[in-house]
Amino acid sequence: MDAIREVKYLQELSHPNIIALHDVFSSKDQNLNLVLEYLPRGDLEMLIKDVDVHYGVADVKAWMGMLARGVWFCHESFVLHRDIKPNNLLIASDGEVKLADFGLARSFADPYLNMTHQVITRWYRPPELLYGARQYSGAVDIWSMGMVFAELLLRVPFVAGNSDLDQISKICEAFGTPTEEHWPGVTRLPNYIPSDPARTVPLQGREFFLRQFPTAGFVGADLLMSMCTLDPRKRNTACRVLQHNWWTTEPRPTDKADLPKKSGGPKKMGNDLTRRAGEVDNTPFKNTARQLDFSAINQ
C-alpha cells in the first residue's frame, strides 16, 4: 500500500525539492518497483550524526529553506507528507535537498474527512496526533519541520520519547502542558489524558527557545517557536514559514553548491530508497501490489 501511495503522489508532484519518479513497473513476483531520481549524497540524518561534518546556521538556513519549499508545494497541491524526518530528506549531487518517501502521504482537501492518527515517526509526530486527532491539516507537517529544525541546530533529536505516552510527556515538559486556555478543544481529543495539576508546565515563550537554541538567534527562535506551537490552528503554515524574515537576516543561506556534503555512495542511495514508507514506530510494511488500485489509500 505504501508503494501505491508513493506512485500516486509522486506522479502528481513535480518540484525541485521533491524526489522525482521516473518510472514504475511490476516484476514477475508482483512487487511494485519504482525508478526514482538518483540522489548520491545520502540524507540529512547522516550529516547531523557525522561528527566530522561541520556546519553552521547559514547551512541550516539553506537546508530548512529547501525543506520549506518542498512542503509548501505539497500543501499547495493539497497533499500531506506525514513522515518528515531527517532521513527522508535526501541530498542531490548539487547539494539540493529533496523530500522523499511519500508512502504515508494523502490528500487533505476535505477538512471534515477522518484520517488515521497513526502516522509520522514518533519523534516528529505532533501532539494532536498523539492525542488521537482524526481531522487535521498541514500543521502536522509543520510540527515535523520544526523538529527537524531543532535537530539540525542541536545535532540530536530534541524530543525523543520511547513510547507514545512518553513522547507526549516529553513534549509537555519541553513546550508546556496543553490546556483549554491556550489550546481550545484539546481535552475533547480521543486520547487526551488530563495532567496532574502539580506537574503542569507553563506554556513556554520565546525566551525558552533562545535558551535551548542560542545559535538560532532571536529571529530564528521566533520561527522555530511558530512551528512548534501546541495548538495546530496557531501553528505557522508553510507559506508563512517561507515569508518569515529569518531567511533574509544575516547570515544569509549558504549557496547549495557550498553546503557541507558527505557522499553516501550508491549503496547508501539504495538503502535510503528501499521501501521504508509506512514505517511508524520502526514497523515496516510489506510492499507488494498486483495492480495500481488507489481506492484504499484514503486513511
C-alpha atoms as a PDB file:
ATOM      1  CA  MET A   1       0.000   0.000   0.000  1.00  0.00           C
ATOM      2  CA  ASP A   2       2.831   2.419   0.790  1.00  0.00           C
ATOM      3  CA  ALA A   3       4.367   1.946  -2.676  1.00  0.00           C
ATOM      4  CA  ILE A   4       0.985   2.613  -4.292  1.00  0.00           C
ATOM      5  CA  ARG A   5       0.650   5.820  -2.287  1.00  0.00           C
ATOM      6  CA  GLU A   6       4.124   6.881  -3.353  1.00  0.00           C
ATOM      7  CA  VAL A   7       3.381   6.289  -7.034  1.00  0.00           C
ATOM      8  CA  LYS A   8       0.133   8.247  -6.847  1.00  0.00           C
ATOM      9  CA  TYR A   9       1.587  11.326  -5.199  1.00  0.00           C
ATOM     10  CA  LEU A  10       4.948  11.427  -6.944  1.00  0.00           C
ATOM     11  CA  GLN A  11       3.114  11.308 -10.270  1.00  0.00           C
ATOM     12  CA  GLU A  12       1.227  14.432  -9.158  1.00  0.00           C
ATOM     13  CA  LEU A  13       4.103  16.368  -7.573  1.00  0.00           C
ATOM     14  CA  SER A  14       6.942  17.852  -9.599  1.00  0.00           C
ATOM     15  CA  HIS A  15       9.209  20.258  -7.719  1.00  0.00           C
ATOM     16  CA  PRO A  16      12.983  20.780  -7.316  1.00  0.00           C
ATOM     17  CA  ASN A  17      12.726  19.864  -3.622  1.00  0.00           C
ATOM     18  CA  ILE A  18      10.685  16.688  -4.098  1.00  0.00           C
ATOM     19  CA  ILE A  19      12.249  13.452  -5.311  1.00  0.00           C
ATOM     20  CA  ALA A  20      11.303  12.659  -8.911  1.00  0.00           C
ATOM     21  CA  LEU A  21       9.647   9.434 -10.009  1.00  0.00           C
ATOM     22  CA  HIS A  22      10.976   8.381 -13.420  1.00  0.00           C
ATOM     23  CA  ASP A  23       9.173   5.073 -13.928  1.00  0.00           C
ATOM     24  CA  VAL A  24       7.236   2.307 -12.217  1.00  0.00           C
ATOM     25  CA  PHE A  25       6.905  -1.353 -13.163  1.00  0.00           C
ATOM     26  CA  SER A  26       5.760  -4.652 -11.703  1.00  0.00           C
ATOM     27  CA  SER A  27       8.151  -7.603 -11.592  1.00  0.00           C
ATOM     28  CA  LYS A  28       7.305 -11.283 -12.025  1.00  0.00           C
ATOM     29  CA  ASP A  29       6.999 -11.741  -8.262  1.00  0.00           C
ATOM     30  CA  GLN A  30       4.374  -8.957  -8.423  1.00  0.00           C
ATOM     31  CA  ASN A  31       6.424  -6.489  -6.402  1.00  0.00           C
ATOM     32  CA  LEU A  32       5.979  -2.872  -7.422  1.00  0.00           C
ATOM     33  CA  ASN A  33       9.280  -1.272  -8.432  1.00  0.00           C
ATOM     34  CA  LEU A  34       9.850   2.476  -8.506  1.00  0.00           C
ATOM     35  CA  VAL A  35      12.591   4.107 -10.564  1.00  0.00           C
ATOM     36  CA  LEU A  36      13.482   7.229  -8.600  1.00  0.00           C
ATOM     37  CA  GLU A  37      15.807  10.151  -9.082  1.00  0.00           C
ATOM     38  CA  TYR A  38      19.438   9.324  -8.250  1.00  0.00           C
ATOM     39  CA  LEU A  39      20.487  11.205  -5.104  1.00  0.00           C
ATOM     40  CA  PRO A  40      24.000  10.046  -4.227  1.00  0.00           C
ATOM     41  CA  ARG A  41      24.825  12.280  -1.255  1.00  0.00           C
ATOM     42  CA  GLY A  42      22.884  10.448   1.439  1.00  0.00           C
ATOM     43  CA  ASP A  43      20.477  12.298   3.719  1.00  0.00           C
ATOM     44  CA  LEU A  44      20.381  14.962   6.407  1.00  0.00           C
ATOM     45  CA  GLU A  45      20.432  12.372   9.181  1.00  0.00           C
ATOM     46  CA  MET A  46      23.885  11.289   8.004  1.00  0.00           C
ATOM     47  CA  LEU A  47      25.170  14.857   8.145  1.00  0.00           C
ATOM     48  CA  ILE A  48      23.662  15.504  11.565  1.00  0.00           C
ATOM     49  CA  LYS A  49      25.236  12.387  13.070  1.00  0.00           C
ATOM     50  CA  ASP A  50      28.646  12.695  11.417  1.00  0.00           C
ATOM     51  CA  VAL A  51      30.979  14.487  13.851  1.00  0.00           C
ATOM     52  CA  ASP A  52      33.428  15.090  11.008  1.00  0.00           C
ATOM     53  CA  VAL A  53      30.883  17.246   9.186  1.00  0.00           C
ATOM     54  CA  HIS A  54      30.883  20.824  10.478  1.00  0.00           C
ATOM     55  CA  TYR A  55      28.067  23.192   9.617  1.00  0.00           C
ATOM     56  CA  GLY A  56      26.627  26.469  10.860  1.00  0.00           C
ATOM     57  CA  VAL A  57      23.411  28.453  10.962  1.00  0.00           C
ATOM     58  CA  ALA A  58      23.758  29.575   7.329  1.00  0.00           C
ATOM     59  CA  ASP A  59      23.838  25.915   6.265  1.00  0.00           C
ATOM     60  CA  VAL A  60      20.834  25.087   8.450  1.00  0.00           C
ATOM     61  CA  LYS A  61      19.025  28.029   6.876  1.00  0.00           C
ATOM     62  CA  ALA A  62      19.717  26.674   3.387  1.00  0.00           C
ATOM     63  CA  TRP A  63      18.558  23.143   4.238  1.00  0.00           C
ATOM     64  CA  MET A  64      15.427  24.356   6.019  1.00  0.00           C
ATOM     65  CA  GLY A  65      14.599  26.659   3.108  1.00  0.00           C
ATOM     66  CA  MET A  66      14.685  23.746   0.679  1.00  0.00           C
ATOM     67  CA  LEU A  67      12.531  21.651   3.001  1.00  0.00           C
ATOM     68  CA  ALA A  68      10.051  24.500   3.466  1.00  0.00           C
ATOM     69  CA  ARG A  69       9.706  24.997  -0.293  1.00  0.00           C
ATOM     70  CA  GLY A  70       9.069  21.291  -0.834  1.00  0.00           C
ATOM     71  CA  VAL A  71       6.451  21.162   1.927  1.00  0.00           C
ATOM     72  CA  TRP A  72       4.837  24.371   0.667  1.00  0.00           C
ATOM     73  CA  PHE A  73       4.413  22.794  -2.776  1.00  0.00           C
ATOM     74  CA  CYS A  74       2.885  19.651  -1.250  1.00  0.00           C
ATOM     75  CA  HIS A  75       0.394  21.691   0.750  1.00  0.00           C
ATOM     76  CA  GLU A  76      -0.450  23.927  -2.211  1.00  0.00           C
ATOM     77  CA  SER A  77      -1.269  20.665  -4.018  1.00  0.00           C
ATOM     78  CA  PHE A  78      -3.397  19.557  -1.025  1.00  0.00           C
ATOM     79  CA  VAL A  79      -1.025  16.729  -0.122  1.00  0.00           C
ATOM     80  CA  LEU A  80       0.180  15.928   3.390  1.00  0.00           C
ATOM     81  CA  HIS A  81       3.547  14.180   3.567  1.00  0.00           C
ATOM     82  CA  ARG A  82       3.039  12.758   7.078  1.00  0.00           C
ATOM     83  CA  ASP A  83       6.560  11.444   7.618  1.00  0.00           C
ATOM     84  CA  ILE A  84       9.005  14.346   7.533  1.00  0.00           C
ATOM     85  CA  LYS A  85      12.261  13.470   9.295  1.00  0.00           C
ATOM     86  CA  PRO A  86      15.988  13.887   8.538  1.00  0.00           C
ATOM     87  CA  ASN A  87      16.487  10.538   6.808  1.00  0.00           C
ATOM     88  CA  ASN A  88      13.612  11.289   4.426  1.00  0.00           C
ATOM     89  CA  LEU A  89      15.463  14.405   3.263  1.00  0.00           C
ATOM     90  CA  LEU A  90      17.844  13.177   0.587  1.00  0.00           C
ATOM     91  CA  ILE A  91      20.679  15.201  -0.914  1.00  0.00           C
ATOM     92  CA  ALA A  92      21.385  15.543  -4.637  1.00  0.00           C
ATOM     93  CA  SER A  93      24.885  15.789  -6.080  1.00  0.00           C
ATOM     94  CA  ASP A  94      24.498  19.578  -6.384  1.00  0.00           C
ATOM     95  CA  GLY A  95      23.503  19.931  -2.711  1.00  0.00           C
ATOM     96  CA  GLU A  96      19.747  20.284  -3.289  1.00  0.00           C
ATOM     97  CA  VAL A  97      17.639  18.686  -0.539  1.00  0.00           C
ATOM     98  CA  LYS A  98      14.743  16.552  -1.787  1.00  0.00           C
ATOM     99  CA  LEU A  99      11.736  15.432   0.225  1.00  0.00           C
ATOM    100  CA  ALA A 100      11.355  11.667  -0.236  1.00  0.00           C
ATOM    101  CA  ASP A 101       9.280   8.709   0.987  1.00  0.00           C
ATOM    102  CA  PHE A 102       5.651   9.526   0.218  1.00  0.00           C
ATOM    103  CA  GLY A 103       4.327   6.170   1.428  1.00  0.00           C
ATOM    104  CA  LEU A 104       2.239   7.809   4.161  1.00  0.00           C
ATOM    105  CA  ALA A 105       1.130  10.820   2.104  1.00  0.00           C
ATOM    106  CA  ARG A 106      -2.505  11.602   1.437  1.00  0.00           C
ATOM    107  CA  SER A 107      -4.804  14.309   0.135  1.00  0.00           C
ATOM    108  CA  PHE A 108      -6.441  16.667   2.620  1.00  0.00           C
ATOM    109  CA  ALA A 109      -8.792  18.842   0.567  1.00  0.00           C
ATOM    110  CA  ASP A 110     -11.800  17.864   2.737  1.00  0.00           C
ATOM    111  CA  PRO A 111     -11.247  19.278   6.267  1.00  0.00           C
ATOM    112  CA  TYR A 112     -14.026  17.105   7.725  1.00  0.00           C
ATOM    113  CA  LEU A 113     -12.716  13.771   6.468  1.00  0.00           C
ATOM    114  CA  ASN A 114     -11.369  11.452   9.155  1.00  0.00           C
ATOM    115  CA  MET A 115      -7.777  10.295   8.713  1.00  0.00           C
ATOM    116  CA  THR A 116      -5.615   7.914  10.700  1.00  0.00           C
ATOM    117  CA  HIS A 117      -3.577   9.390  13.529  1.00  0.00           C
ATOM    118  CA  GLN A 118      -1.018   6.564  13.377  1.00  0.00           C
ATOM    119  CA  VAL A 119       1.341   8.376  11.024  1.00  0.00           C
ATOM    120  CA  ILE A 120       4.631  10.290  11.306  1.00  0.00           C
ATOM    121  CA  THR A 121       7.607   8.748  13.057  1.00  0.00           C
ATOM    122  CA  ARG A 122       7.133   9.269  16.794  1.00  0.00           C
ATOM    123  CA  TRP A 123       9.879  11.825  17.496  1.00  0.00           C
ATOM    124  CA  TYR A 124       8.474  14.064  14.745  1.00  0.00           C
ATOM    125  CA  ARG A 125       4.779  13.465  15.479  1.00  0.00           C
ATOM    126  CA  PRO A 126       2.737  16.475  16.639  1.00  0.00           C
ATOM    127  CA  PRO A 127       0.725  16.456  19.868  1.00  0.00           C
ATOM    128  CA  GLU A 128      -2.668  16.443  18.128  1.00  0.00           C
ATOM    129  CA  LEU A 129      -1.869  13.066  16.529  1.00  0.00           C
ATOM    130  CA  LEU A 130      -0.519  11.684  19.804  1.00  0.00           C
ATOM    131  CA  TYR A 131      -3.863  12.702  21.317  1.00  0.00           C
ATOM    132  CA  GLY A 132      -5.687  10.787  18.572  1.00  0.00           C
ATOM    133  CA  ALA A 133      -6.968  13.586  16.313  1.00  0.00           C
ATOM    134  CA  ARG A 134      -8.641  12.205  13.175  1.00  0.00           C
ATOM    135  CA  GLN A 135      -9.182  15.548  11.424  1.00  0.00           C
ATOM    136  CA  TYR A 136      -6.055  17.590  10.847  1.00  0.00           C
ATOM    137  CA  SER A 137      -4.243  19.791   8.362  1.00  0.00           C
ATOM    138  CA  GLY A 138      -0.821  20.672   7.014  1.00  0.00           C
ATOM    139  CA  ALA A 139       0.047  21.759  10.562  1.00  0.00           C
ATOM    140  CA  VAL A 140       1.147  18.172  11.251  1.00  0.00           C
ATOM    141  CA  ASP A 141       3.933  18.547   8.681  1.00  0.00           C
ATOM    142  CA  ILE A 142       4.917  21.945  10.093  1.00  0.00           C
ATOM    143  CA  TRP A 143       5.483  20.414  13.535  1.00  0.00           C
ATOM    144  CA  SER A 144       7.698  17.761  11.946  1.00  0.00           C
ATOM    145  CA  MET A 145       9.612  20.523  10.158  1.00  0.00           C
ATOM    146  CA  GLY A 146      10.117  22.246  13.495  1.00  0.00           C
ATOM    147  CA  MET A 147      11.538  19.053  14.973  1.00  0.00           C
ATOM    148  CA  VAL A 148      13.931  18.744  12.024  1.00  0.00           C
ATOM    149  CA  PHE A 149      14.932  22.392  12.513  1.00  0.00           C
ATOM    150  CA  ALA A 150      15.637  21.763  16.204  1.00  0.00           C
ATOM    151  CA  GLU A 151      17.614  18.609  15.411  1.00  0.00           C
ATOM    152  CA  LEU A 152      19.765  20.405  12.861  1.00  0.00           C
ATOM    153  CA  LEU A 153      20.628  23.020  15.493  1.00  0.00           C
ATOM    154  CA  LEU A 154      21.268  20.569  18.339  1.00  0.00           C
ATOM    155  CA  ARG A 155      22.566  17.621  16.268  1.00  0.00           C
ATOM    156  CA  VAL A 156      20.400  15.308  18.383  1.00  0.00           C
ATOM    157  CA  PRO A 157      16.606  14.774  18.347  1.00  0.00           C
ATOM    158  CA  PHE A 158      15.018  17.393  20.585  1.00  0.00           C
ATOM    159  CA  VAL A 159      12.001  15.409  21.831  1.00  0.00           C
ATOM    160  CA  ALA A 160      12.724  11.670  21.787  1.00  0.00           C
ATOM    161  CA  GLY A 161      10.198   9.540  23.663  1.00  0.00           C
ATOM    162  CA  ASN A 162      10.393   5.751  23.870  1.00  0.00           C
ATOM    163  CA  SER A 163       6.603   5.319  23.644  1.00  0.00           C
ATOM    164  CA  ASP A 164       3.656   7.445  22.559  1.00  0.00           C
ATOM    165  CA  LEU A 165       2.861   8.243  26.194  1.00  0.00           C
ATOM    166  CA  ASP A 166       6.482   9.138  26.899  1.00  0.00           C
ATOM    167  CA  GLN A 167       6.550  11.278  23.758  1.00  0.00           C
ATOM    168  CA  ILE A 168       3.595  13.412  24.805  1.00  0.00           C
ATOM    169  CA  SER A 169       5.095  13.659  28.285  1.00  0.00           C
ATOM    170  CA  LYS A 170       8.369  14.956  26.847  1.00  0.00           C
ATOM    171  CA  ILE A 171       6.509  17.421  24.620  1.00  0.00           C
ATOM    172  CA  CYS A 172       4.698  18.765  27.695  1.00  0.00           C
ATOM    173  CA  GLU A 173       7.984  19.041  29.599  1.00  0.00           C
ATOM    174  CA  ALA A 174       9.610  20.902  26.719  1.00  0.00           C
ATOM    175  CA  PHE A 175       6.844  23.188  25.450  1.00  0.00           C
ATOM    176  CA  GLY A 176       4.289  23.304  28.241  1.00  0.00           C
ATOM    177  CA  THR A 177       1.211  21.347  29.277  1.00  0.00           C
ATOM    178  CA  PRO A 178      -1.705  21.692  26.821  1.00  0.00           C
ATOM    179  CA  THR A 179      -4.761  23.298  28.417  1.00  0.00           C
ATOM    180  CA  GLU A 180      -8.084  24.606  27.162  1.00  0.00           C
ATOM    181  CA  GLU A 181      -6.797  28.114  27.835  1.00  0.00           C
ATOM    182  CA  HIS A 182      -4.175  28.093  25.089  1.00  0.00           C
ATOM    183  CA  TRP A 183      -5.430  25.115  23.038  1.00  0.00           C
ATOM    184  CA  PRO A 184      -9.259  25.183  22.952  1.00  0.00           C
ATOM    185  CA  GLY A 185     -10.691  21.718  22.312  1.00  0.00           C
ATOM    186  CA  VAL A 186      -7.627  19.715  23.358  1.00  0.00           C
ATOM    187  CA  THR A 187      -9.473  17.991  26.203  1.00  0.00           C
ATOM    188  CA  ARG A 188     -12.020  16.615  23.716  1.00  0.00           C
ATOM    189  CA  LEU A 189      -9.433  14.748  21.650  1.00  0.00           C
ATOM    190  CA  PRO A 190      -9.908  10.944  21.869  1.00  0.00           C
ATOM    191  CA  ASN A 191      -6.616  10.086  23.587  1.00  0.00           C
ATOM    192  CA  TYR A 192      -6.269  13.163  25.771  1.00  0.00           C
ATOM    193  CA  ILE A 193      -5.029  12.362  29.267  1.00  0.00           C
ATOM    194  CA  PRO A 194      -5.614  15.009  31.952  1.00  0.00           C
ATOM    195  CA  SER A 195      -2.375  16.168  33.520  1.00  0.00           C
ATOM    196  CA  ASP A 196      -1.598  16.207  37.209  1.00  0.00           C
ATOM    197  CA  PRO A 197      -2.102  19.855  38.288  1.00  0.00           C
ATOM    198  CA  ALA A 198       1.007  19.567  40.439  1.00  0.00           C
ATOM    199  CA  ARG A 199       3.069  18.678  37.358  1.00  0.00           C
ATOM    200  CA  THR A 200       1.623  21.239  34.956  1.00  0.00           C
ATOM    201  CA  VAL A 201       4.351  23.019  32.977  1.00  0.00           C
ATOM    202  CA  PRO A 202       3.645  26.630  31.928  1.00  0.00           C
ATOM    203  CA  LEU A 203       3.475  27.357  28.213  1.00  0.00           C
ATOM    204  CA  GLN A 204       6.982  28.218  27.034  1.00  0.00           C
ATOM    205  CA  GLY A 205       7.748  31.515  25.326  1.00  0.00           C
ATOM    206  CA  ARG A 206      10.477  32.887  23.100  1.00  0.00           C
ATOM    207  CA  GLU A 207      12.994  33.050  25.958  1.00  0.00           C
ATOM    208  CA  PHE A 208      12.837  29.265  26.287  1.00  0.00           C
ATOM    209  CA  PHE A 209      13.623  28.798  22.595  1.00  0.00           C
ATOM    210  CA  LEU A 210      16.504  31.270  22.823  1.00  0.00           C
ATOM    211  CA  ARG A 211      17.981  29.344  25.759  1.00  0.00           C
ATOM    212  CA  GLN A 212      17.574  25.973  24.065  1.00  0.00           C
ATOM    213  CA  PHE A 213      18.697  27.118  20.605  1.00  0.00           C
ATOM    214  CA  PRO A 214      21.073  30.067  21.091  1.00  0.00           C
ATOM    215  CA  THR A 215      22.677  29.651  17.662  1.00  0.00           C
ATOM    216  CA  ALA A 216      19.303  30.326  16.003  1.00  0.00           C
ATOM    217  CA  GLY A 217      19.297  33.883  17.297  1.00  0.00           C
ATOM    218  CA  PHE A 218      16.206  35.894  18.213  1.00  0.00           C
ATOM    219  CA  VAL A 219      14.613  35.720  14.759  1.00  0.00           C
ATOM    220  CA  GLY A 220      15.380  32.020  14.280  1.00  0.00           C
ATOM    221  CA  ALA A 221      13.967  31.212  17.716  1.00  0.00           C
ATOM    222  CA  ASP A 222      10.796  33.083  16.752  1.00  0.00           C
ATOM    223  CA  LEU A 223      10.432  30.980  13.598  1.00  0.00           C
ATOM    224  CA  LEU A 224      11.028  27.725  15.461  1.00  0.00           C
ATOM    225  CA  MET A 225       8.506  28.683  18.137  1.00  0.00           C
ATOM    226  CA  SER A 226       5.901  29.400  15.442  1.00  0.00           C
ATOM    227  CA  MET A 227       6.405  25.898  14.019  1.00  0.00           C
ATOM    228  CA  CYS A 228       6.193  24.171  17.408  1.00  0.00           C
ATOM    229  CA  THR A 229       3.016  25.805  18.719  1.00  0.00           C
ATOM    230  CA  LEU A 230       0.952  23.203  20.569  1.00  0.00           C
ATOM    231  CA  ASP A 231      -2.383  24.337  19.098  1.00  0.00           C
ATOM    232  CA  PRO A 232      -2.208  23.315  15.412  1.00  0.00           C
ATOM    233  CA  ARG A 233      -4.551  26.164  14.438  1.00  0.00           C
ATOM    234  CA  LYS A 234      -1.970  28.672  15.700  1.00  0.00           C
ATOM    235  CA  ARG A 235       0.984  26.935  14.069  1.00  0.00           C
ATOM    236  CA  ASN A 236       2.560  28.643  11.074  1.00  0.00           C
ATOM    237  CA  THR A 237       1.602  27.463   7.592  1.00  0.00           C
ATOM    238  CA  ALA A 238       4.304  26.525   5.089  1.00  0.00           C
ATOM    239  CA  CYS A 239       3.600  29.771   3.240  1.00  0.00           C
ATOM    240  CA  ARG A 240       4.080  31.847   6.393  1.00  0.00           C
ATOM    241  CA  VAL A 241       7.243  29.921   7.230  1.00  0.00           C
ATOM    242  CA  LEU A 242       8.678  30.966   3.866  1.00  0.00           C
ATOM    243  CA  GLN A 243       7.618  34.574   4.450  1.00  0.00           C
ATOM    244  CA  HIS A 244       9.411  34.779   7.811  1.00  0.00           C
ATOM    245  CA  ASN A 245      12.227  37.324   7.990  1.00  0.00           C
ATOM    246  CA  TRP A 246      14.720  34.747   9.309  1.00  0.00           C
ATOM    247  CA  TRP A 247      15.600  33.882   5.718  1.00  0.00           C
ATOM    248  CA  THR A 248      16.727  37.434   4.950  1.00  0.00           C
ATOM    249  CA  THR A 249      18.651  38.141   8.164  1.00  0.00           C
ATOM    250  CA  GLU A 250      22.377  37.509   8.488  1.00  0.00           C
ATOM    251  CA  PRO A 251      23.900  35.074   7.953  1.00  0.00           C
ATOM    252  CA  ARG A 252      22.195  34.504   4.621  1.00  0.00           C
ATOM    253  CA  PRO A 253      21.553  30.903   3.494  1.00  0.00           C
ATOM    254  CA  THR A 254      24.602  29.106   2.141  1.00  0.00           C
ATOM    255  CA  ASP A 255      24.576  28.517  -1.606  1.00  0.00           C
ATOM    256  CA  LYS A 256      23.700  24.884  -2.217  1.00  0.00           C
ATOM    257  CA  ALA A 257      26.983  24.308  -4.077  1.00  0.00           C
ATOM    258  CA  ASP A 258      28.886  25.294  -0.924  1.00  0.00           C
ATOM    259  CA  LEU A 259      26.906  23.223   1.570  1.00  0.00           C
ATOM    260  CA  PRO A 260      28.736  20.515   3.541  1.00  0.00           C
ATOM    261  CA  LYS A 261      28.459  17.185   1.780  1.00  0.00           C
ATOM    262  CA  LYS A 262      29.257  13.627   2.635  1.00  0.00           C
ATOM    263  CA  SER A 263      28.906  11.169  -0.194  1.00  0.00           C
ATOM    264  CA  GLY A 264      26.735   8.246   0.783  1.00  0.00           C
ATOM    265  CA  GLY A 265      27.526   6.439  -2.466  1.00  0.00           C
ATOM    266  CA  PRO A 266      25.237   4.152  -4.458  1.00  0.00           C
ATOM    267  CA  LYS A 267      24.890   1.693  -1.567  1.00  0.00           C
ATOM    268  CA  LYS A 268      23.533   4.378   0.742  1.00  0.00           C
ATOM    269  CA  MET A 269      21.243   5.623  -2.006  1.00  0.00           C
ATOM    270  CA  GLY A 270      19.841   2.117  -2.413  1.00  0.00           C
ATOM    271  CA  ASN A 271      19.298   1.727   1.314  1.00  0.00           C
ATOM    272  CA  ASP A 272      17.523   5.086   1.533  1.00  0.00           C
ATOM    273  CA  LEU A 273      15.159   4.276  -1.308  1.00  0.00           C
ATOM    274  CA  THR A 274      14.383   0.716  -0.280  1.00  0.00           C
ATOM    275  CA  ARG A 275      10.727   0.861   0.571  1.00  0.00           C
ATOM    276  CA  ARG A 276      10.764   2.461   4.000  1.00  0.00           C
ATOM    277  CA  ALA A 277       7.487   4.291   3.606  1.00  0.00           C
ATOM    278  CA  GLY A 278       4.870   3.465   6.195  1.00  0.00           C
ATOM    279  CA  GLU A 279       7.426   2.851   8.936  1.00  0.00           C
ATOM    280  CA  VAL A 280       5.729   4.057  12.071  1.00  0.00           C
ATOM    281  CA  ASP A 281       7.481   3.121  15.307  1.00  0.00           C
ATOM    282  CA  ASN A 282      10.028   1.192  13.221  1.00  0.00           C
ATOM    283  CA  THR A 283       7.482  -1.288  11.880  1.00  0.00           C
ATOM    284  CA  PRO A 284       7.914  -1.728   8.105  1.00  0.00           C
ATOM    285  CA  PHE A 285       5.088  -2.803   5.866  1.00  0.00           C
ATOM    286  CA  LYS A 286       5.393  -5.335   3.084  1.00  0.00           C
ATOM    287  CA  ASN A 287       5.344  -3.663  -0.307  1.00  0.00           C
ATOM    288  CA  THR A 288       3.517  -5.734  -2.902  1.00  0.00           C
ATOM    289  CA  ALA A 289       0.753  -4.837  -5.282  1.00  0.00           C
ATOM    290  CA  ARG A 290      -0.997  -6.702  -8.063  1.00  0.00           C
ATOM    291  CA  GLN A 291      -2.374  -3.565  -9.668  1.00  0.00           C
ATOM    292  CA  LEU A 292      -2.383   0.175  -9.147  1.00  0.00           C
ATOM    293  CA  ASP A 293      -5.613   0.444  -7.178  1.00  0.00           C
ATOM    294  CA  PHE A 294      -5.805   3.822  -5.428  1.00  0.00           C
ATOM    295  CA  SER A 295      -9.196   3.234  -3.820  1.00  0.00           C
ATOM    296  CA  ALA A 296      -7.851   2.143  -0.426  1.00  0.00           C
ATOM    297  CA  ILE A 297      -5.377   4.903   0.349  1.00  0.00           C
ATOM    298  CA  ASN A 298      -7.714   7.413   1.985  1.00  0.00           C
ATOM    299  CA  GLN A 299      -6.665   6.932   5.587  1.00  0.00           C
END
